[in-house]
Amino acid sequence: MSHETVLALAALPQDLRNALAAEYAVVGADDAAAGEARIAVTTGMVGADAAAMAARPGLRLIASMGVGLDKIDLKAARARGIAVSHTPDELTEDVADFAIGLMYSAARRIADADRFVRAGRWMQGRMSPGISLHRKRAGVVGLGRIGAAIAGRAAGIGMQVGWTGPRPKPEAPWTYYPDVAALAEWADVLILATPGGAETRHMVDARALAALGPRGVLVNIARGSVVDEAALLAALEGGGIAAAGLDVFASEPALDPRFLALENAVLAPHYASLTHETRAAIIARMLRDIAAFRRGEAFYDAAA
């Protein structure tokens, strides 16, 4: 084991903690050795704010598990000369797969069908119909790595694809819409794959949900903050949209209990990237980046 101290700024998943502990001395924020740490590890959901950096002037690297950077103050990191690594490539394919899975589960009522059979209701009659997806319109909000992977999958299963984002990408083969409301008006399924943060907070509001309409389906594998949850709950409860597949929520894991009563909402515990293969790839990437930092070698620095 190296004598390097690694500070855990968040409650780390056990597999990551074990991998780090095999090579480094992993300490918590209250540990006496925390002050000597040059390297801190966090998660995309917890991040690291300016105060956390200011309290530890010796920090030179923050390694984050996940793709999201909205909870890490990159400006503060840059000002203090702290490099920031994350794992933007490792989860793309699994998250895109899960988005399509949520779309099918919500529209074709797969989770509802499972509950129907387990509750013995099949003996009393048949379920009401779901919503077909073939040849329907998939609107993707955010055409980064994950959004593009989702768009490609949707096109591959026979859907028309449109998208929106901060700026057009002429190289993208799908139709660009100027804003979320315009895309929702066109789409049958609205799939959210945009980063979180102040710029995208409540991007999907009551207006966008009304544009999606009573036969529309919402899928969110982005961040809970992207959706106005009060408006979403009202739309799901009142038939403003048909269904939703949700992997993220405004407050996690203590989500609004009204979601639990909704038969037309498929709920997942921020699970889109959780496969054995992706977990191993993410941890390997973090260990490589930390090792590169210690050797003075190049690695992707999001704060640069």
Protein backbone atom coordinates (compact mmCIF):
# COMPACT_ATOMS: atom_id res chain seq x y z
CA MET A 1 0.00 0.00 0.00
CA SER A 2 1.15 3.52 -0.77
CA HIS A 3 1.57 5.98 2.08
CA GLU A 4 -0.55 8.50 0.13
CA THR A 5 -3.65 9.63 2.02
CA VAL A 6 -6.91 9.82 0.07
CA LEU A 7 -9.74 11.83 1.60
CA ALA A 8 -13.31 10.59 1.07
CA LEU A 9 -15.58 13.63 0.70
CA ALA A 10 -18.67 11.42 0.30
CA ALA A 11 -19.91 8.05 1.48
CA LEU A 12 -18.15 5.89 -1.09
CA PRO A 13 -19.65 2.70 -2.52
CA GLN A 14 -17.97 -0.31 -0.94
CA ASP A 15 -16.40 -1.54 -4.17
CA LEU A 16 -14.70 1.80 -4.75
CA ARG A 17 -13.62 2.10 -1.12
CA ASN A 18 -12.11 -1.40 -1.22
CA ALA A 19 -10.21 -0.67 -4.43
CA LEU A 20 -8.82 2.59 -3.02
CA ALA A 21 -7.95 1.00 0.32
CA ALA A 22 -5.87 -1.65 -1.45
CA GLU A 23 -3.49 1.10 -2.62
CA TYR A 24 -3.99 4.13 -0.36
CA ALA A 25 -4.85 5.17 3.17
CA VAL A 26 -8.50 6.21 2.85
CA VAL A 27 -9.71 8.64 5.54
CA GLY A 28 -12.90 10.56 6.28
CA ALA A 29 -13.31 14.31 6.67
CA ASP A 30 -13.10 14.07 10.48
CA ASP A 31 -9.94 11.96 10.50
CA ALA A 32 -6.81 13.60 11.90
CA ALA A 33 -4.93 12.72 8.70
CA ALA A 34 -7.48 14.42 6.43
CA GLY A 35 -5.59 17.70 6.49
CA GLU A 36 -2.54 16.19 4.82
CA ALA A 37 -4.45 14.78 1.85
CA ARG A 38 -3.54 15.98 -1.63
CA ILE A 39 -6.20 13.75 -3.19
CA ALA A 40 -9.92 13.70 -2.45
CA VAL A 41 -12.52 11.32 -3.84
CA THR A 42 -16.21 12.14 -4.15
CA THR A 43 -19.29 11.15 -6.12
CA GLY A 44 -21.21 13.06 -8.75
CA MET A 45 -24.20 13.38 -6.43
CA VAL A 46 -22.20 14.88 -3.52
CA GLY A 47 -19.49 16.74 -5.39
CA ALA A 48 -17.22 19.31 -3.72
CA ASP A 49 -18.02 22.97 -3.13
CA ALA A 50 -15.73 25.95 -2.67
CA ALA A 51 -15.94 25.69 1.13
CA ALA A 52 -14.75 22.08 1.08
CA MET A 53 -11.76 23.13 -1.01
CA ALA A 54 -10.96 26.18 1.11
CA ALA A 55 -10.97 24.03 4.25
CA ARG A 56 -8.28 21.79 2.75
CA PRO A 57 -5.62 24.01 1.15
CA GLY A 58 -3.38 21.03 0.44
CA LEU A 59 -5.79 19.46 -2.06
CA ARG A 60 -4.49 19.10 -5.60
CA LEU A 61 -6.85 16.50 -7.08
CA ILE A 62 -10.57 15.76 -6.72
CA ALA A 63 -11.52 12.46 -8.35
CA SER A 64 -15.27 12.11 -8.84
CA MET A 65 -17.19 8.90 -9.47
CA GLY A 66 -19.71 9.63 -12.21
CA VAL A 67 -20.22 11.84 -15.21
CA GLY A 68 -21.94 14.82 -13.56
CA LEU A 69 -19.89 17.87 -12.59
CA ASP A 70 -22.72 20.17 -11.49
CA LYS A 71 -21.99 19.59 -7.78
CA ILE A 72 -18.28 20.38 -8.13
CA ASP A 73 -17.26 24.04 -8.11
CA LEU A 74 -14.93 23.97 -11.11
CA LYS A 75 -14.22 27.70 -10.89
CA ALA A 76 -13.03 27.36 -7.29
CA ALA A 77 -10.96 24.31 -8.21
CA ARG A 78 -9.34 26.17 -11.09
CA ALA A 79 -8.52 29.15 -8.86
CA ARG A 80 -6.87 26.89 -6.28
CA GLY A 81 -4.95 24.79 -8.77
CA ILE A 82 -6.97 21.66 -8.02
CA ALA A 83 -7.37 19.19 -10.87
CA VAL A 84 -10.76 17.48 -11.25
CA SER A 85 -11.13 14.04 -12.81
CA HIS A 86 -14.39 12.23 -13.45
CA THR A 87 -15.68 9.27 -15.48
CA PRO A 88 -17.52 10.69 -18.51
CA ASP A 89 -16.99 7.81 -20.93
CA GLU A 90 -17.44 4.68 -18.87
CA LEU A 91 -21.22 4.85 -18.26
CA THR A 92 -22.47 6.02 -21.64
CA GLU A 93 -23.70 2.75 -23.10
CA ASP A 94 -25.31 1.36 -19.95
CA VAL A 95 -27.12 4.62 -19.17
CA ALA A 96 -28.38 4.82 -22.75
CA ASP A 97 -29.61 1.22 -22.54
CA PHE A 98 -31.42 2.00 -19.29
CA ALA A 99 -33.11 5.07 -20.79
CA ILE A 100 -34.55 2.89 -23.56
CA GLY A 101 -35.55 0.31 -20.96
CA LEU A 102 -37.40 2.95 -18.94
CA MET A 103 -39.12 4.15 -22.11
CA TYR A 104 -40.38 0.66 -22.89
CA SER A 105 -41.33 -0.02 -19.28
CA ALA A 106 -43.35 3.19 -19.00
CA ALA A 107 -45.01 3.12 -22.43
CA ARG A 108 -45.59 -0.63 -22.69
CA ARG A 109 -46.38 -0.92 -18.96
CA ILE A 110 -43.84 -3.67 -18.30
CA ALA A 111 -43.44 -2.94 -14.58
CA ASP A 112 -47.21 -2.53 -14.27
CA ALA A 113 -47.71 -5.90 -16.01
CA ASP A 114 -45.37 -7.57 -13.52
CA ARG A 115 -47.36 -6.16 -10.60
CA PHE A 116 -50.61 -7.18 -12.31
CA VAL A 117 -49.55 -10.82 -12.55
CA ARG A 118 -47.99 -11.02 -9.08
CA ALA A 119 -51.14 -9.58 -7.49
CA GLY A 120 -53.28 -12.30 -9.09
CA ARG A 121 -55.28 -9.78 -11.12
CA TRP A 122 -54.83 -11.75 -14.35
CA MET A 123 -57.47 -14.17 -13.04
CA GLN A 124 -60.02 -11.32 -13.01
CA GLY A 125 -59.34 -9.88 -16.47
CA ARG A 126 -56.86 -8.29 -18.84
CA MET A 127 -54.78 -5.14 -18.51
CA SER A 128 -55.73 -2.07 -20.48
CA PRO A 129 -53.49 -1.32 -23.50
CA GLY A 130 -50.12 0.38 -23.40
CA ILE A 131 -48.64 2.81 -25.91
CA SER A 132 -46.85 1.60 -29.05
CA LEU A 133 -43.37 2.99 -29.70
CA HIS A 134 -42.56 1.81 -33.20
CA ARG A 135 -42.51 4.75 -35.65
CA LYS A 136 -43.19 7.18 -32.80
CA ARG A 137 -41.13 10.31 -32.12
CA ALA A 138 -38.34 10.38 -29.54
CA GLY A 139 -37.19 13.83 -28.41
CA VAL A 140 -33.79 13.84 -26.69
CA VAL A 141 -32.89 16.77 -24.44
CA GLY A 142 -29.10 17.09 -24.46
CA LEU A 143 -27.02 15.53 -27.23
CA GLY A 144 -23.79 14.83 -25.39
CA ARG A 145 -22.25 11.37 -25.18
CA ILE A 146 -25.25 9.78 -23.47
CA GLY A 147 -27.90 11.72 -25.40
CA ALA A 148 -26.33 10.76 -28.73
CA ALA A 149 -26.19 7.10 -27.66
CA ILE A 150 -29.89 7.23 -26.72
CA ALA A 151 -30.77 8.92 -30.01
CA GLY A 152 -28.94 6.22 -31.96
CA ARG A 153 -30.77 3.47 -30.10
CA ALA A 154 -34.16 5.13 -30.60
CA ALA A 155 -33.51 5.46 -34.34
CA GLY A 156 -32.39 1.85 -34.43
CA ILE A 157 -35.72 0.59 -33.08
CA GLY A 158 -37.68 2.48 -35.70
CA MET A 159 -38.39 5.79 -33.99
CA GLN A 160 -38.06 9.26 -35.48
CA VAL A 161 -35.55 11.31 -33.49
CA GLY A 162 -35.37 15.01 -32.69
CA TRP A 163 -33.30 16.81 -30.10
CA THR A 164 -32.58 20.07 -28.36
CA GLY A 165 -29.58 21.50 -26.57
CA PRO A 166 -27.73 24.78 -25.99
CA ARG A 167 -26.68 25.04 -29.64
CA PRO A 168 -27.26 23.22 -32.94
CA LYS A 169 -24.83 20.51 -34.04
CA PRO A 170 -24.87 20.45 -37.83
CA GLU A 171 -23.07 17.10 -37.82
CA ALA A 172 -25.93 15.41 -35.93
CA PRO A 173 -28.24 13.45 -38.27
CA TRP A 174 -31.39 14.30 -36.30
CA THR A 175 -33.66 17.37 -36.40
CA TYR A 176 -32.77 20.16 -33.98
CA TYR A 177 -35.51 22.04 -32.07
CA PRO A 178 -34.82 25.44 -30.51
CA ASP A 179 -36.14 24.66 -27.01
CA VAL A 180 -37.65 21.97 -24.83
CA ALA A 181 -41.27 23.09 -25.34
CA ALA A 182 -40.92 22.94 -29.15
CA LEU A 183 -39.33 19.49 -28.92
CA ALA A 184 -42.01 18.26 -26.49
CA GLU A 185 -44.74 19.52 -28.83
CA TRP A 186 -43.27 17.34 -31.61
CA ALA A 187 -42.33 14.29 -29.52
CA ASP A 188 -44.25 11.28 -28.26
CA VAL A 189 -41.46 10.47 -25.79
CA LEU A 190 -39.26 13.13 -24.17
CA ILE A 191 -35.95 11.72 -22.89
CA LEU A 192 -33.80 13.89 -20.62
CA ALA A 193 -30.03 13.47 -20.90
CA THR A 194 -28.82 16.99 -20.12
CA PRO A 195 -26.43 17.96 -17.31
CA GLY A 196 -27.86 19.26 -14.04
CA GLY A 197 -27.09 22.62 -12.47
CA ALA A 198 -28.57 26.10 -12.41
CA GLU A 199 -28.72 26.44 -16.21
CA THR A 200 -31.03 23.45 -16.62
CA ARG A 201 -33.04 23.70 -13.39
CA HIS A 202 -36.76 23.07 -14.08
CA MET A 203 -36.08 23.08 -17.82
CA VAL A 204 -39.02 20.68 -18.07
CA ASP A 205 -41.84 22.71 -16.52
CA ALA A 206 -45.63 22.73 -16.72
CA ARG A 207 -45.48 24.31 -20.19
CA ALA A 208 -43.21 21.58 -21.57
CA LEU A 209 -45.33 18.83 -20.01
CA ALA A 210 -48.50 20.33 -21.47
CA ALA A 211 -46.77 20.36 -24.86
CA LEU A 212 -45.86 16.69 -24.46
CA GLY A 213 -49.54 15.99 -23.87
CA PRO A 214 -51.83 13.25 -22.54
CA ARG A 215 -50.36 10.49 -24.73
CA GLY A 216 -46.78 11.56 -24.06
CA VAL A 217 -44.12 9.75 -22.03
CA LEU A 218 -41.28 11.38 -20.06
CA VAL A 219 -37.99 9.57 -19.33
CA ASN A 220 -35.41 11.12 -17.00
CA ILE A 221 -31.91 9.66 -16.58
CA ALA A 222 -30.33 13.15 -16.19
CA ARG A 223 -30.85 14.92 -12.86
CA GLY A 224 -33.99 15.40 -10.79
CA SER A 225 -33.41 19.16 -10.84
CA VAL A 226 -34.08 19.29 -14.59
CA VAL A 227 -37.79 18.67 -13.96
CA ASP A 228 -40.27 20.77 -11.99
CA GLU A 229 -41.49 17.88 -9.85
CA ALA A 230 -44.64 19.64 -8.68
CA ALA A 231 -45.66 20.09 -12.31
CA LEU A 232 -44.69 16.49 -13.14
CA LEU A 233 -46.72 15.05 -10.27
CA ALA A 234 -49.73 17.14 -11.31
CA ALA A 235 -49.36 15.94 -14.91
CA LEU A 236 -49.09 12.27 -13.89
CA GLU A 237 -51.94 12.47 -11.39
CA GLY A 238 -54.24 14.45 -13.69
CA GLY A 239 -53.57 12.75 -17.02
CA GLY A 240 -51.57 15.65 -18.41
CA ILE A 241 -49.04 13.08 -19.66
CA ALA A 242 -49.50 9.32 -20.03
CA ALA A 243 -46.51 7.98 -18.10
CA ALA A 244 -42.99 8.57 -16.88
CA GLY A 245 -39.86 6.47 -16.39
CA LEU A 246 -37.72 8.10 -13.71
CA ASP A 247 -34.25 7.19 -12.47
CA VAL A 248 -33.57 10.51 -10.72
CA PHE A 249 -35.51 12.77 -8.39
CA ALA A 250 -35.27 16.20 -6.81
CA SER A 251 -34.50 14.61 -3.45
CA GLU A 252 -32.78 11.24 -3.30
CA PRO A 253 -33.31 8.73 -1.81
CA ALA A 254 -36.21 10.41 0.06
CA LEU A 255 -38.33 11.08 -3.01
CA ASP A 256 -41.76 12.70 -2.83
CA PRO A 257 -44.10 9.93 -1.55
CA ARG A 258 -46.75 10.87 -4.11
CA PHE A 259 -44.68 9.09 -6.73
CA LEU A 260 -45.17 5.77 -4.92
CA ALA A 261 -48.92 5.78 -5.50
CA LEU A 262 -48.69 6.35 -9.25
CA GLU A 263 -49.29 3.32 -11.45
CA ASN A 264 -48.18 5.33 -14.49
CA ALA A 265 -44.70 6.08 -13.12
CA VAL A 266 -41.80 3.60 -13.31
CA LEU A 267 -39.36 4.42 -10.51
CA ALA A 268 -35.68 3.45 -10.31
CA PRO A 269 -33.08 4.23 -7.59
CA HIS A 270 -30.56 6.23 -9.67
CA TYR A 271 -29.58 2.91 -11.14
CA ALA A 272 -28.93 3.53 -14.85
CA SER A 273 -25.16 2.98 -14.73
CA LEU A 274 -25.12 0.16 -12.21
CA THR A 275 -23.84 -2.90 -14.02
CA HIS A 276 -20.91 -5.07 -13.02
CA GLU A 277 -19.07 -4.07 -16.17
CA THR A 278 -19.53 -0.32 -15.79
CA ARG A 279 -18.67 -0.35 -12.08
CA ALA A 280 -15.38 -2.09 -12.84
CA ALA A 281 -14.61 0.35 -15.68
CA ILE A 282 -15.40 3.41 -13.54
CA ILE A 283 -13.20 2.26 -10.65
CA ALA A 284 -10.36 1.36 -13.01
CA ARG A 285 -10.58 4.82 -14.61
CA MET A 286 -10.45 6.55 -11.22
CA LEU A 287 -7.44 4.51 -10.12
CA ARG A 288 -5.64 5.26 -13.42
CA ASP A 289 -6.31 8.99 -13.10
CA ILE A 290 -5.12 9.09 -9.50
CA ALA A 291 -1.98 7.15 -10.42
CA ALA A 292 -1.34 9.49 -13.37
CA PHE A 293 -1.69 12.52 -11.09
CA ARG A 294 0.81 11.06 -8.62
CA ARG A 295 3.32 10.35 -11.40
CA GLY A 296 2.89 13.80 -12.92
CA GLU A 297 1.45 12.32 -16.12
CA ALA A 298 -1.39 13.67 -18.23
CA PHE A 299 -5.04 12.81 -17.57
CA TYR A 300 -8.32 14.54 -18.39
CA ASP A 301 -8.74 17.51 -16.04
CA ALA A 302 -12.27 18.98 -16.12
CA ALA A 303 -11.09 22.08 -14.27
CA ALA A 304 -8.31 22.90 -16.72
